[in-house]
């Protein structure tokens, strides 16, 4: 089985040839304003607009924990909005917003799309920033859902 490639850099500038999907975790409140989404919005306006519309029209679509939305931003680049976070962390929060089960389901949907597009997947350490998750819980999900299906995955760590 292939292994996750870890690199230093910006996941919004995915490396390599062919079709690429940039994946990240979103909350289920329709919030978009902190963390990695800011880098996504600086590079491409479409994912934020699509996510906000998806949330606004949620009564008539599949928006919710475990859902995945795919937005084409360049001829060979897509962004995957993965709903894997219940709410957001506030000063009064007890516990973390990450929902590992939802990330697992969303990664399955990401894998299906990556196979369909013959794409590689590029991401920061999803679910580990503002969502409060740990990579030791996320990495096995990425391995099981993506690598086990032969999908190349690159994880980007920002430069110090």
Protein backbone atom coordinates (compact mmCIF):
# COMPACT_ATOMS: atom_id res chain seq x y z
CA UNK A 1 0.00 0.00 0.00
CA UNK A 2 1.16 3.54 -0.68
CA UNK A 3 1.96 5.89 2.20
CA UNK A 4 0.92 9.45 2.98
CA UNK A 5 3.46 11.92 1.68
CA UNK A 6 4.19 14.63 4.25
CA UNK A 7 5.59 17.91 2.94
CA UNK A 8 6.14 21.46 4.14
CA UNK A 9 4.10 23.92 2.18
CA UNK A 10 0.69 25.29 1.34
CA UNK A 11 -2.11 22.82 0.62
CA UNK A 12 -3.80 25.45 -1.57
CA UNK A 13 -0.85 25.08 -3.97
CA UNK A 14 -1.01 21.30 -4.47
CA UNK A 15 2.05 19.65 -5.99
CA UNK A 16 2.20 17.20 -8.82
CA UNK A 17 0.52 16.49 -12.12
CA UNK A 18 -3.01 15.47 -12.95
CA UNK A 19 -6.27 16.17 -11.19
CA UNK A 20 -5.95 17.23 -7.55
CA UNK A 21 -8.54 17.56 -4.80
CA UNK A 22 -7.75 19.90 -1.89
CA UNK A 23 -9.68 18.60 1.13
CA UNK A 24 -10.50 20.34 4.38
CA UNK A 25 -12.99 20.06 7.26
CA UNK A 26 -15.91 22.46 7.74
CA UNK A 27 -18.40 22.88 10.56
CA UNK A 28 -22.12 22.14 10.43
CA UNK A 29 -23.16 25.72 11.31
CA UNK A 30 -22.36 27.33 7.98
CA UNK A 31 -19.42 29.16 9.54
CA UNK A 32 -16.47 30.04 7.35
CA UNK A 33 -14.01 32.50 8.77
CA UNK A 34 -11.11 30.99 10.71
CA UNK A 35 -8.36 28.50 10.07
CA UNK A 36 -7.51 26.85 6.76
CA UNK A 37 -10.67 28.15 5.06
CA UNK A 38 -9.12 31.62 5.03
CA UNK A 39 -6.27 30.32 2.87
CA UNK A 40 -8.80 28.59 0.61
CA UNK A 41 -10.81 31.82 0.23
CA UNK A 42 -7.71 33.89 -0.50
CA UNK A 43 -6.89 31.57 -3.38
CA UNK A 44 -10.39 30.74 -4.70
CA UNK A 45 -13.73 32.42 -3.86
CA UNK A 46 -15.89 29.58 -5.20
CA UNK A 47 -15.60 27.06 -2.30
CA UNK A 48 -16.81 29.55 0.30
CA UNK A 49 -19.72 30.73 -1.88
CA UNK A 50 -20.72 27.12 -2.62
CA UNK A 51 -20.46 26.10 1.06
CA UNK A 52 -22.57 29.05 2.24
CA UNK A 53 -25.21 28.32 -0.43
CA UNK A 54 -25.14 24.60 0.47
CA UNK A 55 -25.73 25.46 4.14
CA UNK A 56 -28.39 28.10 3.40
CA UNK A 57 -30.35 25.61 1.26
CA UNK A 58 -29.74 22.65 3.62
CA UNK A 59 -33.44 21.86 4.00
CA UNK A 60 -33.36 20.59 0.42
CA UNK A 61 -29.94 18.94 0.17
CA UNK A 62 -27.51 16.60 1.94
CA UNK A 63 -25.73 19.22 4.09
CA UNK A 64 -24.83 17.80 7.50
CA UNK A 65 -22.19 15.86 9.37
CA UNK A 66 -20.42 13.44 7.03
CA UNK A 67 -21.43 15.28 3.86
CA UNK A 68 -18.94 16.29 1.19
CA UNK A 69 -19.20 19.02 -1.42
CA UNK A 70 -16.86 19.23 -4.41
CA UNK A 71 -16.14 22.56 -6.06
CA UNK A 72 -14.07 22.86 -9.22
CA UNK A 73 -11.73 25.85 -8.89
CA UNK A 74 -9.27 25.29 -11.76
CA UNK A 75 -9.28 22.95 -14.75
CA UNK A 76 -7.41 20.27 -12.76
CA UNK A 77 -8.10 21.35 -9.16
CA UNK A 78 -11.15 20.74 -6.98
CA UNK A 79 -11.82 21.71 -3.36
CA UNK A 80 -13.64 19.24 -1.10
CA UNK A 81 -15.67 20.83 1.70
CA UNK A 82 -16.00 17.97 4.23
CA UNK A 83 -18.48 18.50 7.07
CA UNK A 84 -16.72 16.88 10.02
CA UNK A 85 -17.14 19.33 12.85
CA UNK A 86 -20.16 19.88 15.14
CA UNK A 87 -20.36 23.61 15.78
CA UNK A 88 -17.31 25.67 16.66
CA UNK A 89 -15.10 26.05 19.70
CA UNK A 90 -15.92 29.04 21.88
CA UNK A 91 -14.49 30.31 25.16
CA UNK A 92 -17.28 28.47 26.98
CA UNK A 93 -16.97 25.21 25.05
CA UNK A 94 -16.45 21.98 26.89
CA UNK A 95 -14.97 19.49 24.50
CA UNK A 96 -13.91 19.70 20.90
CA UNK A 97 -16.06 20.13 17.79
CA UNK A 98 -14.35 17.39 15.72
CA UNK A 99 -16.55 14.40 14.88
CA UNK A 100 -14.33 11.52 13.79
CA UNK A 101 -17.26 9.43 12.55
CA UNK A 102 -18.37 12.28 10.28
CA UNK A 103 -14.84 12.75 8.95
CA UNK A 104 -14.68 9.02 8.25
CA UNK A 105 -17.94 9.14 6.25
CA UNK A 106 -16.86 12.30 4.39
CA UNK A 107 -13.49 10.70 3.54
CA UNK A 108 -15.38 7.79 2.00
CA UNK A 109 -17.25 10.24 -0.22
CA UNK A 110 -13.95 11.97 -1.03
CA UNK A 111 -12.45 8.61 -2.02
CA UNK A 112 -15.35 7.89 -4.38
CA UNK A 113 -14.87 11.25 -6.11
CA UNK A 114 -11.08 10.89 -6.25
CA UNK A 115 -11.45 7.48 -7.94
CA UNK A 116 -14.02 8.93 -10.37
CA UNK A 117 -11.72 11.85 -11.28
CA UNK A 118 -8.49 9.78 -11.08
CA UNK A 119 -7.28 12.45 -8.67
CA UNK A 120 -4.73 12.75 -5.91
CA UNK A 121 -5.79 14.27 -2.57
CA UNK A 122 -4.04 17.17 -0.85
CA UNK A 123 -4.81 18.45 2.64
CA UNK A 124 -3.55 20.03 5.80
CA UNK A 125 -3.87 17.83 8.91
CA UNK A 126 -7.65 17.94 8.63
CA UNK A 127 -9.71 18.08 11.79
CA UNK A 128 -6.68 18.95 13.92
CA UNK A 129 -6.75 22.73 13.97
CA UNK A 130 -9.80 24.61 15.19
CA UNK A 131 -11.82 21.37 15.20
CA UNK A 132 -9.57 20.14 18.02
CA UNK A 133 -8.92 16.64 16.76
CA UNK A 134 -5.70 14.65 16.89
CA UNK A 135 -3.81 13.40 13.87
CA UNK A 136 -3.30 10.04 15.55
CA UNK A 137 -7.08 9.53 15.20
CA UNK A 138 -7.41 11.07 11.72
CA UNK A 139 -4.43 9.46 9.99
CA UNK A 140 -5.84 5.89 10.22
CA UNK A 141 -9.09 7.13 8.65
CA UNK A 142 -7.15 8.67 5.75
CA UNK A 143 -5.20 5.44 5.38
CA UNK A 144 -8.31 3.24 5.41
CA UNK A 145 -10.52 5.41 3.19
CA UNK A 146 -8.01 6.81 0.69
CA UNK A 147 -4.68 4.98 0.64
CA UNK A 148 -6.32 1.55 0.77
CA UNK A 149 -8.05 2.46 -2.51
CA UNK A 150 -4.78 3.49 -4.13
CA UNK A 151 -5.41 7.22 -3.90
CA UNK A 152 -2.21 9.26 -3.44
CA UNK A 153 -2.44 11.62 -0.44
CA UNK A 154 -0.17 14.55 0.36
CA UNK A 155 -0.41 16.24 3.76
CA UNK A 156 0.95 19.76 3.95
CA UNK A 157 2.44 21.23 7.11
CA UNK A 158 2.85 24.98 7.05
CA UNK A 159 6.32 26.41 7.28
CA UNK A 160 7.43 27.42 10.77
